[in-house]
PDB file of N, CA and C in Angstrom:
ATOM      1  N   MET A   1     -65.356  54.689 -93.649  1.00  0.00           N
ATOM      2  CA  MET A   1     -64.368  54.252 -92.672  1.00  0.00           C
ATOM      3  C   MET A   1     -65.070  54.048 -91.329  1.00  0.00           C
ATOM      4  N   SER A   2     -64.903  52.906 -90.757  1.00  0.00           N
ATOM      5  CA  SER A   2     -65.539  52.620 -89.485  1.00  0.00           C
ATOM      6  C   SER A   2     -64.678  53.105 -88.319  1.00  0.00           C
ATOM      7  N   THR A   3     -65.313  53.317 -87.206  1.00  0.00           N
ATOM      8  CA  THR A   3     -64.593  53.757 -86.015  1.00  0.00           C
ATOM      9  C   THR A   3     -63.597  52.703 -85.566  1.00  0.00           C
ATOM     10  N   SER A   4     -63.985  51.448 -85.660  1.00  0.00           N
ATOM     11  CA  SER A   4     -63.086  50.386 -85.212  1.00  0.00           C
ATOM     12  C   SER A   4     -61.819  50.330 -86.071  1.00  0.00           C
ATOM     13  N   GLU A   5     -61.948  50.635 -87.361  1.00  0.00           N
ATOM     14  CA  GLU A   5     -60.767  50.633 -88.234  1.00  0.00           C
ATOM     15  C   GLU A   5     -59.793  51.728 -87.813  1.00  0.00           C
ATOM     16  N   ALA A   6     -60.313  52.915 -87.549  1.00  0.00           N
ATOM     17  CA  ALA A   6     -59.457  54.022 -87.128  1.00  0.00           C
ATOM     18  C   ALA A   6     -58.852  53.754 -85.751  1.00  0.00           C
ATOM     19  N   GLU A   7     -59.637  53.172 -84.871  1.00  0.00           N
ATOM     20  CA  GLU A   7     -59.121  52.834 -83.542  1.00  0.00           C
ATOM     21  C   GLU A   7     -58.013  51.787 -83.647  1.00  0.00           C
ATOM     22  N   TYR A   8     -58.205  50.819 -84.513  1.00  0.00           N
ATOM     23  CA  TYR A   8     -57.181  49.792 -84.728  1.00  0.00           C
ATOM     24  C   TYR A   8     -55.913  50.424 -85.284  1.00  0.00           C
ATOM     25  N   CYS A   9     -56.059  51.369 -86.195  1.00  0.00           N
ATOM     26  CA  CYS A   9     -54.889  52.062 -86.745  1.00  0.00           C
ATOM     27  C   CYS A   9     -54.150  52.825 -85.653  1.00  0.00           C
ATOM     28  N   ARG A  10     -54.902  53.462 -84.763  1.00  0.00           N
ATOM     29  CA  ARG A  10     -54.280  54.192 -83.658  1.00  0.00           C
ATOM     30  C   ARG A  10     -53.495  53.234 -82.757  1.00  0.00           C
ATOM     31  N   LEU A  11     -54.067  52.059 -82.500  1.00  0.00           N
ATOM     32  CA  LEU A  11     -53.371  51.066 -81.681  1.00  0.00           C
ATOM     33  C   LEU A  11     -52.099  50.570 -82.370  1.00  0.00           C
ATOM     34  N   LEU A  12     -52.160  50.377 -83.677  1.00  0.00           N
ATOM     35  CA  LEU A  12     -50.965  49.948 -84.404  1.00  0.00           C
ATOM     36  C   LEU A  12     -49.851  50.985 -84.313  1.00  0.00           C
ATOM     37  N   ILE A  13     -50.214  52.262 -84.440  1.00  0.00           N
ATOM     38  CA  ILE A  13     -49.205  53.320 -84.337  1.00  0.00           C
ATOM     39  C   ILE A  13     -48.601  53.342 -82.940  1.00  0.00           C
ATOM     40  N   GLU A  14     -49.431  53.164 -81.924  1.00  0.00           N
ATOM     41  CA  GLU A  14     -48.909  53.112 -80.549  1.00  0.00           C
ATOM     42  C   GLU A  14     -47.932  51.946 -80.388  1.00  0.00           C
ATOM     43  N   LYS A  15     -48.286  50.789 -80.938  1.00  0.00           N
ATOM     44  CA  LYS A  15     -47.400  49.624 -80.818  1.00  0.00           C
ATOM     45  C   LYS A  15     -46.091  49.854 -81.544  1.00  0.00           C
ATOM     46  N   ARG A  16     -46.153  50.478 -82.717  1.00  0.00           N
ATOM     47  CA  ARG A  16     -44.927  50.745 -83.470  1.00  0.00           C
ATOM     48  C   ARG A  16     -44.021  51.682 -82.680  1.00  0.00           C
ATOM     49  N   ASP A  17     -44.601  52.686 -82.050  1.00  0.00           N
ATOM     50  CA  ASP A  17     -43.811  53.662 -81.310  1.00  0.00           C
ATOM     51  C   ASP A  17     -43.213  53.075 -80.037  1.00  0.00           C
ATOM     52  N   ARG A  18     -43.878  52.082 -79.466  1.00  0.00           N
ATOM     53  CA  ARG A  18     -43.353  51.461 -78.242  1.00  0.00           C
ATOM     54  C   ARG A  18     -42.374  50.348 -78.527  1.00  0.00           C
ATOM     55  N   HIS A  19     -42.333  49.853 -79.745  1.00  0.00           N
ATOM     56  CA  HIS A  19     -41.400  48.793 -80.170  1.00  0.00           C
ATOM     57  C   HIS A  19     -41.577  47.498 -79.385  1.00  0.00           C
ATOM     58  N   ASP A  20     -42.784  47.189 -79.030  1.00  0.00           N
ATOM     59  CA  ASP A  20     -43.036  45.877 -78.435  1.00  0.00           C
ATOM     60  C   ASP A  20     -44.085  45.167 -79.274  1.00  0.00           C
ATOM     61  N   GLY A  21     -44.498  44.009 -78.860  1.00  0.00           N
ATOM     62  CA  GLY A  21     -45.382  43.200 -79.672  1.00  0.00           C
ATOM     63  C   GLY A  21     -46.796  43.747 -79.786  1.00  0.00           C
ATOM     64  N   ALA A  22     -47.562  43.133 -80.671  1.00  0.00           N
ATOM     65  CA  ALA A  22     -48.913  43.600 -80.965  1.00  0.00           C
ATOM     66  C   ALA A  22     -49.951  43.025 -80.018  1.00  0.00           C
ATOM     67  N   GLY A  23     -49.655  41.921 -79.386  1.00  0.00           N
ATOM     68  CA  GLY A  23     -50.669  41.199 -78.633  1.00  0.00           C
ATOM     69  C   GLY A  23     -51.259  41.950 -77.471  1.00  0.00           C
ATOM     70  N   LEU A  24     -50.434  42.537 -76.637  1.00  0.00           N
ATOM     71  CA  LEU A  24     -50.945  43.161 -75.428  1.00  0.00           C
ATOM     72  C   LEU A  24     -51.790  44.394 -75.716  1.00  0.00           C
ATOM     73  N   SER A  25     -51.537  45.083 -76.819  1.00  0.00           N
ATOM     74  CA  SER A  25     -52.374  46.240 -77.122  1.00  0.00           C
ATOM     75  C   SER A  25     -53.752  45.813 -77.588  1.00  0.00           C
ATOM     76  N   LEU A  26     -53.898  44.571 -78.020  1.00  0.00           N
ATOM     77  CA  LEU A  26     -55.196  44.100 -78.460  1.00  0.00           C
ATOM     78  C   LEU A  26     -56.047  43.592 -77.301  1.00  0.00           C
ATOM     79  N   LEU A  27     -55.445  43.388 -76.149  1.00  0.00           N
ATOM     80  CA  LEU A  27     -56.197  42.885 -75.007  1.00  0.00           C
ATOM     81  C   LEU A  27     -57.356  43.799 -74.599  1.00  0.00           C
ATOM     82  N   PRO A  28     -57.189  45.131 -74.582  1.00  0.00           N
ATOM     83  CA  PRO A  28     -58.344  45.961 -74.225  1.00  0.00           C
ATOM     84  C   PRO A  28     -59.515  45.798 -75.187  1.00  0.00           C
ATOM     85  N   ARG A  29     -59.249  45.399 -76.413  1.00  0.00           N
ATOM     86  CA  ARG A  29     -60.315  45.209 -77.383  1.00  0.00           C
ATOM     87  C   ARG A  29     -61.077  43.914 -77.133  1.00  0.00           C
ATOM     88  N   LEU A  30     -60.634  43.117 -76.215  1.00  0.00           N
ATOM     89  CA  LEU A  30     -61.289  41.845 -75.931  1.00  0.00           C
ATOM     90  C   LEU A  30     -62.094  41.899 -74.632  1.00  0.00           C
ATOM     91  N   LYS A  31     -62.706  43.036 -74.362  1.00  0.00           N
ATOM     92  CA  LYS A  31     -63.491  43.179 -73.134  1.00  0.00           C
ATOM     93  C   LYS A  31     -64.675  42.217 -73.107  1.00  0.00           C
ATOM     94  N   TRP A  32     -65.168  41.869 -74.293  1.00  0.00           N
ATOM     95  CA  TRP A  32     -66.269  40.921 -74.357  1.00  0.00           C
ATOM     96  C   TRP A  32     -65.862  39.566 -73.806  1.00  0.00           C
ATOM     97  N   LYS A  33     -64.561  39.264 -73.826  1.00  0.00           N
ATOM     98  CA  LYS A  33     -64.079  37.982 -73.304  1.00  0.00           C
ATOM     99  C   LYS A  33     -64.350  37.881 -71.808  1.00  0.00           C
ATOM    100  N   LEU A  34     -64.238  39.004 -71.113  1.00  0.00           N
ATOM    101  CA  LEU A  34     -64.550  39.005 -69.683  1.00  0.00           C
ATOM    102  C   LEU A  34     -66.004  38.626 -69.455  1.00  0.00           C
ATOM    103  N   LEU A  35     -66.897  39.143 -70.289  1.00  0.00           N
ATOM    104  CA  LEU A  35     -68.303  38.789 -70.180  1.00  0.00           C
ATOM    105  C   LEU A  35     -68.502  37.294 -70.409  1.00  0.00           C
ATOM    106  N   LEU A  36     -67.814  36.735 -71.382  1.00  0.00           N
ATOM    107  CA  LEU A  36     -67.893  35.302 -71.645  1.00  0.00           C
ATOM    108  C   LEU A  36     -67.405  34.494 -70.449  1.00  0.00           C
ATOM    109  N   VAL A  37     -66.324  34.935 -69.842  1.00  0.00           N
ATOM    110  CA  VAL A  37     -65.776  34.238 -68.672  1.00  0.00           C
ATOM    111  C   VAL A  37     -66.786  34.250 -67.527  1.00  0.00           C
ATOM    112  N   VAL A  38     -67.374  35.414 -67.271  1.00  0.00           N
ATOM    113  CA  VAL A  38     -68.328  35.532 -66.158  1.00  0.00           C
ATOM    114  C   VAL A  38     -69.556  34.662 -66.402  1.00  0.00           C
ATOM    115  N   ILE A  39     -70.102  34.716 -67.608  1.00  0.00           N
ATOM    116  CA  ILE A  39     -71.300  33.921 -67.914  1.00  0.00           C
ATOM    117  C   ILE A  39     -70.999  32.429 -67.839  1.00  0.00           C
ATOM    118  N   THR A  40     -69.883  32.011 -68.414  1.00  0.00           N
ATOM    119  CA  THR A  40     -69.543  30.583 -68.418  1.00  0.00           C
ATOM    120  C   THR A  40     -69.226  30.091 -67.013  1.00  0.00           C
ATOM    121  N   ALA A  41     -68.501  30.881 -66.245  1.00  0.00           N
ATOM    122  CA  ALA A  41     -68.197  30.472 -64.875  1.00  0.00           C
ATOM    123  C   ALA A  41     -69.486  30.396 -64.050  1.00  0.00           C
ATOM    124  N   GLY A  42     -70.361  31.355 -64.235  1.00  0.00           N
ATOM    125  CA  GLY A  42     -71.648  31.317 -63.525  1.00  0.00           C
ATOM    126  C   GLY A  42     -72.459  30.095 -63.900  1.00  0.00           C
ATOM    127  N   TYR A  43     -72.501  29.775 -65.177  1.00  0.00           N
ATOM    128  CA  TYR A  43     -73.219  28.575 -65.615  1.00  0.00           C
ATOM    129  C   TYR A  43     -72.584  27.324 -65.027  1.00  0.00           C
ATOM    130  N   SER A  44     -71.251  27.273 -65.017  1.00  0.00           N
ATOM    131  CA  SER A  44     -70.563  26.096 -64.484  1.00  0.00           C
ATOM    132  C   SER A  44     -70.899  25.879 -63.020  1.00  0.00           C
ATOM    133  N   VAL A  45     -70.901  26.952 -62.248  1.00  0.00           N
ATOM    134  CA  VAL A  45     -71.242  26.834 -60.822  1.00  0.00           C
ATOM    135  C   VAL A  45     -72.687  26.394 -60.664  1.00  0.00           C
ATOM    136  N   TRP A  46     -73.582  26.993 -61.432  1.00  0.00           N
ATOM    137  CA  TRP A  46     -74.992  26.629 -61.357  1.00  0.00           C
ATOM    138  C   TRP A  46     -75.198  25.174 -61.744  1.00  0.00           C
ATOM    139  N   ALA A  47     -74.578  24.760 -62.851  1.00  0.00           N
ATOM    140  CA  ALA A  47     -74.748  23.387 -63.324  1.00  0.00           C
ATOM    141  C   ALA A  47     -74.125  22.384 -62.356  1.00  0.00           C
ATOM    142  N   TRP A  48     -73.025  22.734 -61.723  1.00  0.00           N
ATOM    143  CA  TRP A  48     -72.362  21.826 -60.779  1.00  0.00           C
ATOM    144  C   TRP A  48     -73.240  21.596 -59.547  1.00  0.00           C
ATOM    145  N   ARG A  49     -73.974  22.607 -59.151  1.00  0.00           N
ATOM    146  CA  ARG A  49     -74.800  22.488 -57.952  1.00  0.00           C
ATOM    147  C   ARG A  49     -76.019  21.608 -58.177  1.00  0.00           C
ATOM    148  N   ILE A  50     -76.376  21.371 -59.421  1.00  0.00           N
ATOM    149  CA  ILE A  50     -77.483  20.454 -59.715  1.00  0.00           C
ATOM    150  C   ILE A  50     -76.978  19.042 -59.446  1.00  0.00           C
ATOM    151  N   ASP A  51     -77.679  18.326 -58.611  1.00  0.00           N
ATOM    152  CA  ASP A  51     -77.213  16.983 -58.231  1.00  0.00           C
ATOM    153  C   ASP A  51     -77.643  15.935 -59.247  1.00  0.00           C
ATOM    154  N   SER A  52     -77.148  16.093 -60.452  1.00  0.00           N
ATOM    155  CA  SER A  52     -77.418  15.069 -61.455  1.00  0.00           C
ATOM    156  C   SER A  52     -76.182  14.924 -62.337  1.00  0.00           C
ATOM    157  N   GLY A  53     -76.102  13.826 -63.015  1.00  0.00           N
ATOM    158  CA  GLY A  53     -74.970  13.600 -63.900  1.00  0.00           C
ATOM    159  C   GLY A  53     -74.947  14.590 -65.054  1.00  0.00           C
ATOM    160  N   VAL A  54     -76.149  14.950 -65.511  1.00  0.00           N
ATOM    161  CA  VAL A  54     -76.227  15.900 -66.624  1.00  0.00           C
ATOM    162  C   VAL A  54     -75.714  17.270 -66.198  1.00  0.00           C
ATOM    163  N   GLY A  55     -76.034  17.692 -64.986  1.00  0.00           N
ATOM    164  CA  GLY A  55     -75.570  18.986 -64.481  1.00  0.00           C
ATOM    165  C   GLY A  55     -74.057  19.024 -64.354  1.00  0.00           C
ATOM    166  N   LYS A  56     -73.492  17.964 -63.828  1.00  0.00           N
ATOM    167  CA  LYS A  56     -72.032  17.911 -63.685  1.00  0.00           C
ATOM    168  C   LYS A  56     -71.361  17.833 -65.052  1.00  0.00           C
ATOM    169  N   MET A  57     -71.969  17.111 -65.999  1.00  0.00           N
ATOM    170  CA  MET A  57     -71.416  17.035 -67.334  1.00  0.00           C
ATOM    171  C   MET A  57     -71.472  18.425 -67.997  1.00  0.00           C
ATOM    172  N   GLY A  58     -72.569  19.134 -67.804  1.00  0.00           N
ATOM    173  CA  GLY A  58     -72.681  20.491 -68.350  1.00  0.00           C
ATOM    174  C   GLY A  58     -71.640  21.415 -67.766  1.00  0.00           C
ATOM    175  N   ALA A  59     -71.374  21.267 -66.468  1.00  0.00           N
ATOM    176  CA  ALA A  59     -70.358  22.104 -65.826  1.00  0.00           C
ATOM    177  C   ALA A  59     -68.976  21.793 -66.386  1.00  0.00           C
ATOM    178  N   PHE A  60     -68.676  20.503 -66.575  1.00  0.00           N
ATOM    179  CA  PHE A  60     -67.381  20.136 -67.154  1.00  0.00           C
ATOM    180  C   PHE A  60     -67.247  20.645 -68.591  1.00  0.00           C
ATOM    181  N   LEU A  61     -68.324  20.540 -69.368  1.00  0.00           N
ATOM    182  CA  LEU A  61     -68.277  21.026 -70.747  1.00  0.00           C
ATOM    183  C   LEU A  61     -68.070  22.536 -70.799  1.00  0.00           C
ATOM    184  N   ALA A  62     -68.799  23.264 -69.964  1.00  0.00           N
ATOM    185  CA  ALA A  62     -68.656  24.716 -69.942  1.00  0.00           C
ATOM    186  C   ALA A  62     -67.267  25.114 -69.456  1.00  0.00           C
ATOM    187  N   GLY A  63     -66.781  24.438 -68.423  1.00  0.00           N
ATOM    188  CA  GLY A  63     -65.431  24.729 -67.929  1.00  0.00           C
ATOM    189  C   GLY A  63     -64.365  24.403 -68.963  1.00  0.00           C
ATOM    190  N   GLY A  64     -64.535  23.300 -69.682  1.00  0.00           N
ATOM    191  CA  GLY A  64     -63.592  22.944 -70.738  1.00  0.00           C
ATOM    192  C   GLY A  64     -63.617  23.939 -71.881  1.00  0.00           C
ATOM    193  N   PHE A  65     -64.810  24.394 -72.237  1.00  0.00           N
ATOM    194  CA  PHE A  65     -64.940  25.415 -73.270  1.00  0.00           C
ATOM    195  C   PHE A  65     -64.227  26.690 -72.844  1.00  0.00           C
ATOM    196  N   LEU A  66     -64.446  27.105 -71.613  1.00  0.00           N
ATOM    197  CA  LEU A  66     -63.817  28.315 -71.092  1.00  0.00           C
ATOM    198  C   LEU A  66     -62.297  28.179 -71.069  1.00  0.00           C
ATOM    199  N   ALA A  67     -61.808  27.062 -70.550  1.00  0.00           N
ATOM    200  CA  ALA A  67     -60.356  26.853 -70.492  1.00  0.00           C
ATOM    201  C   ALA A  67     -59.760  26.808 -71.887  1.00  0.00           C
ATOM    202  N   GLY A  68     -60.426  26.145 -72.812  1.00  0.00           N
ATOM    203  CA  GLY A  68     -59.917  26.047 -74.170  1.00  0.00           C
ATOM    204  C   GLY A  68     -59.843  27.390 -74.874  1.00  0.00           C
ATOM    205  N   THR A  69     -60.876  28.208 -74.726  1.00  0.00           N
ATOM    206  CA  THR A  69     -60.848  29.511 -75.385  1.00  0.00           C
ATOM    207  C   THR A  69     -59.809  30.432 -74.759  1.00  0.00           C
ATOM    208  N   LEU A  70     -59.638  30.346 -73.458  1.00  0.00           N
ATOM    209  CA  LEU A  70     -58.629  31.197 -72.813  1.00  0.00           C
ATOM    210  C   LEU A  70     -57.218  30.786 -73.227  1.00  0.00           C
ATOM    211  N   VAL A  71     -56.955  29.480 -73.290  1.00  0.00           N
ATOM    212  CA  VAL A  71     -55.640  29.001 -73.728  1.00  0.00           C
ATOM    213  C   VAL A  71     -55.394  29.414 -75.177  1.00  0.00           C
ATOM    214  N   ARG A  72     -56.417  29.298 -76.022  1.00  0.00           N
ATOM    215  CA  ARG A  72     -56.281  29.703 -77.423  1.00  0.00           C
ATOM    216  C   ARG A  72     -55.947  31.189 -77.530  1.00  0.00           C
ATOM    217  N   ASP A  73     -56.631  32.023 -76.757  1.00  0.00           N
ATOM    218  CA  ASP A  73     -56.397  33.461 -76.831  1.00  0.00           C
ATOM    219  C   ASP A  73     -55.016  33.846 -76.311  1.00  0.00           C
ATOM    220  N   VAL A  74     -54.580  33.205 -75.240  1.00  0.00           N
ATOM    221  CA  VAL A  74     -53.246  33.484 -74.717  1.00  0.00           C
ATOM    222  C   VAL A  74     -52.192  33.076 -75.736  1.00  0.00           C
ATOM    223  N   GLN A  75     -52.382  31.933 -76.367  1.00  0.00           N
ATOM    224  CA  GLN A  75     -51.427  31.482 -77.382  1.00  0.00           C
ATOM    225  C   GLN A  75     -51.422  32.441 -78.568  1.00  0.00           C
ATOM    226  N   TRP A  76     -52.582  32.937 -78.970  1.00  0.00           N
ATOM    227  CA  TRP A  76     -52.662  33.893 -80.071  1.00  0.00           C
ATOM    228  C   TRP A  76     -51.886  35.167 -79.725  1.00  0.00           C
ATOM    229  N   MET A  77     -52.025  35.643 -78.500  1.00  0.00           N
ATOM    230  CA  MET A  77     -51.292  36.839 -78.081  1.00  0.00           C
ATOM    231  C   MET A  77     -49.781  36.568 -78.075  1.00  0.00           C
ATOM    232  N   ARG A  78     -49.380  35.383 -77.642  1.00  0.00           N
ATOM    233  CA  ARG A  78     -47.946  35.041 -77.647  1.00  0.00           C
ATOM    234  C   ARG A  78     -47.391  35.007 -79.069  1.00  0.00           C
ATOM    235  N   VAL A  79     -48.151  34.459 -80.004  1.00  0.00           N
ATOM    236  CA  VAL A  79     -47.708  34.404 -81.398  1.00  0.00           C
ATOM    237  C   VAL A  79     -47.585  35.809 -81.969  1.00  0.00           C
ATOM    238  N   LEU A  80     -48.560  36.668 -81.669  1.00  0.00           N
ATOM    239  CA  LEU A  80     -48.483  38.048 -82.147  1.00  0.00           C
ATOM    240  C   LEU A  80     -47.267  38.771 -81.574  1.00  0.00           C
ATOM    241  N   GLU A  81     -46.991  38.549 -80.310  1.00  0.00           N
ATOM    242  CA  GLU A  81     -45.827  39.174 -79.688  1.00  0.00           C
ATOM    243  C   GLU A  81     -44.533  38.698 -80.360  1.00  0.00           C
ATOM    244  N   ARG A  82     -44.449  37.409 -80.591  1.00  0.00           N
ATOM    245  CA  ARG A  82     -43.240  36.826 -81.178  1.00  0.00           C
ATOM    246  C   ARG A  82     -43.033  37.281 -82.624  1.00  0.00           C
ATOM    247  N   ASP A  83     -44.117  37.365 -83.375  1.00  0.00           N
ATOM    248  CA  ASP A  83     -44.006  37.665 -84.801  1.00  0.00           C
ATOM    249  C   ASP A  83     -44.148  39.144 -85.132  1.00  0.00           C
ATOM    250  N   TRP A  84     -44.300  40.008 -84.134  1.00  0.00           N
ATOM    251  CA  TRP A  84     -44.508  41.427 -84.403  1.00  0.00           C
ATOM    252  C   TRP A  84     -43.414  42.052 -85.272  1.00  0.00           C
ATOM    253  N   PRO A  85     -42.133  41.778 -85.070  1.00  0.00           N
ATOM    254  CA  PRO A  85     -41.126  42.374 -85.953  1.00  0.00           C
ATOM    255  C   PRO A  85     -41.335  42.004 -87.420  1.00  0.00           C
ATOM    256  N   LYS A  86     -41.735  40.772 -87.686  1.00  0.00           N
ATOM    257  CA  LYS A  86     -41.986  40.361 -89.067  1.00  0.00           C
ATOM    258  C   LYS A  86     -43.256  40.999 -89.613  1.00  0.00           C
ATOM    259  N   ILE A  87     -44.298  41.026 -88.796  1.00  0.00           N
ATOM    260  CA  ILE A  87     -45.582  41.585 -89.231  1.00  0.00           C
ATOM    261  C   ILE A  87     -45.448  43.074 -89.527  1.00  0.00           C
ATOM    262  N   SER A  88     -44.736  43.793 -88.682  1.00  0.00           N
ATOM    263  CA  SER A  88     -44.657  45.251 -88.833  1.00  0.00           C
ATOM    264  C   SER A  88     -43.942  45.662 -90.113  1.00  0.00           C
ATOM    265  N   ARG A  89     -43.105  44.795 -90.663  1.00  0.00           N
ATOM    266  CA  ARG A  89     -42.431  45.121 -91.924  1.00  0.00           C
ATOM    267  C   ARG A  89     -43.387  45.119 -93.105  1.00  0.00           C
ATOM    268  N   PHE A  90     -44.494  44.409 -93.008  1.00  0.00           N
ATOM    269  CA  PHE A  90     -45.443  44.305 -94.116  1.00  0.00           C
ATOM    270  C   PHE A  90     -46.601  45.297 -94.018  1.00  0.00           C
ATOM    271  N   ILE A  91     -46.639  46.081 -92.973  1.00  0.00           N
ATOM    272  CA  ILE A  91     -47.727  47.042 -92.791  1.00  0.00           C
ATOM    273  C   ILE A  91     -47.402  48.315 -93.556  1.00  0.00           C
ATOM    274  N   ASP A  92     -48.379  48.829 -94.281  1.00  0.00           N
ATOM    275  CA  ASP A  92     -48.240  50.098 -94.990  1.00  0.00           C
ATOM    276  C   ASP A  92     -48.503  51.219 -93.984  1.00  0.00           C
ATOM    277  N   TRP A  93     -47.430  51.701 -93.354  1.00  0.00           N
ATOM    278  CA  TRP A  93     -47.572  52.653 -92.248  1.00  0.00           C
ATOM    279  C   TRP A  93     -48.131  53.992 -92.703  1.00  0.00           C
ATOM    280  N   THR A  94     -47.897  54.390 -93.947  1.00  0.00           N
ATOM    281  CA  THR A  94     -48.471  55.660 -94.419  1.00  0.00           C
ATOM    282  C   THR A  94     -49.993  55.559 -94.487  1.00  0.00           C
ATOM    283  N   LYS A  95     -50.501  54.426 -94.918  1.00  0.00           N
ATOM    284  CA  LYS A  95     -51.959  54.238 -94.960  1.00  0.00           C
ATOM    285  C   LYS A  95     -52.544  54.190 -93.549  1.00  0.00           C
ATOM    286  N   VAL A  96     -51.835  53.532 -92.642  1.00  0.00           N
ATOM    287  CA  VAL A  96     -52.296  53.458 -91.254  1.00  0.00           C
ATOM    288  C   VAL A  96     -52.348  54.859 -90.640  1.00  0.00           C
ATOM    289  N   GLU A  97     -51.294  55.642 -90.852  1.00  0.00           N
ATOM    290  CA  GLU A  97     -51.257  56.997 -90.300  1.00  0.00           C
ATOM    291  C   GLU A  97     -52.336  57.876 -90.929  1.00  0.00           C
ATOM    292  N   LYS A  98     -52.587  57.717 -92.215  1.00  0.00           N
ATOM    293  CA  LYS A  98     -53.617  58.493 -92.896  1.00  0.00           C
ATOM    294  C   LYS A  98     -54.996  58.171 -92.328  1.00  0.00           C
ATOM    295  N   THR A  99     -55.278  56.890 -92.128  1.00  0.00           N
ATOM    296  CA  THR A  99     -56.570  56.472 -91.585  1.00  0.00           C
ATOM    297  C   THR A  99     -56.756  57.001 -90.164  1.00  0.00           C
ATOM    298  N   ALA A 100     -55.712  56.924 -89.358  1.00  0.00           N
ATOM    299  CA  ALA A 100     -55.802  57.442 -87.982  1.00  0.00           C
ATOM    300  C   ALA A 100     -55.975  58.956 -87.983  1.00  0.00           C
ATOM    301  N   ALA A 101     -55.309  59.662 -88.905  1.00  0.00           N
ATOM    302  CA  ALA A 101     -55.438  61.118 -88.981  1.00  0.00           C
ATOM    303  C   ALA A 101     -56.834  61.528 -89.436  1.00  0.00           C
ATOM    304  N   GLU A 102     -57.436  60.766 -90.369  1.00  0.00           N
ATOM    305  CA  GLU A 102     -58.796  61.063 -90.808  1.00  0.00           C
ATOM    306  C   GLU A 102     -59.768  60.921 -89.655  1.00  0.00           C
ATOM    307  N   LYS A 103     -59.574  59.938 -88.839  1.00  0.00           N
ATOM    308  CA  LYS A 103     -60.430  59.739 -87.670  1.00  0.00           C
ATOM    309  C   LYS A 103     -60.286  60.900 -86.701  1.00  0.00           C
ATOM    310  N   GLN A 104     -59.036  61.347 -86.487  1.00  0.00           N
ATOM    311  CA  GLN A 104     -58.791  62.449 -85.562  1.00  0.00           C
ATOM    312  C   GLN A 104     -59.439  63.726 -86.094  1.00  0.00           C
ATOM    313  N   GLN A 105     -59.365  63.967 -87.398  1.00  0.00           N
ATOM    314  CA  GLN A 105     -59.968  65.167 -87.988  1.00  0.00           C
ATOM    315  C   GLN A 105     -61.488  65.125 -87.883  1.00  0.00           C
ATOM    316  N   SER A 106     -62.075  63.966 -88.136  1.00  0.00           N
ATOM    317  CA  SER A 106     -63.536  63.860 -88.040  1.00  0.00           C
ATOM    318  C   SER A 106     -64.011  63.992 -86.600  1.00  0.00           C
ATOM    319  N   LYS A 107     -63.178  63.581 -85.662  1.00  0.00           N
ATOM    320  CA  LYS A 107     -63.525  63.706 -84.245  1.00  0.00           C
ATOM    321  C   LYS A 107     -63.508  65.159 -83.804  1.00  0.00           C
ATOM    322  N   GLU A 108     -62.549  65.939 -84.330  1.00  0.00           N
ATOM    323  CA  GLU A 108     -62.435  67.345 -83.971  1.00  0.00           C
ATOM    324  C   GLU A 108     -63.533  68.193 -84.594  1.00  0.00           C
ATOM    325  N   SER A 109     -64.101  67.751 -85.703  1.00  0.00           N
ATOM    326  CA  SER A 109     -65.132  68.511 -86.393  1.00  0.00           C
ATOM    327  C   SER A 109     -66.461  68.461 -85.702  1.00  0.00           C
TER     328      SER A 109
END
């Protein structure tokens, strides 16, 4: 059992107990997205400052990539929020609770 699996199970239990959608609880797991935003924005600024057509094209491509991935992720979170009542009916909550409890026991040991 991986740590990420147990952590995901813990997040699912928290979402079930709060009775809201799944999307916002997954946002903390996307910390790497912030790194992508910073790197891409930095590249875009650097490429824009180059006084050539290729530099400006690179900045537009990087900015478009960044905007596209952010829009995709926001839409994914909206879909998860909207469909959470349907999704939660298909989750085997006893298995989720068992996996989270195993993680808690191994952490205490």
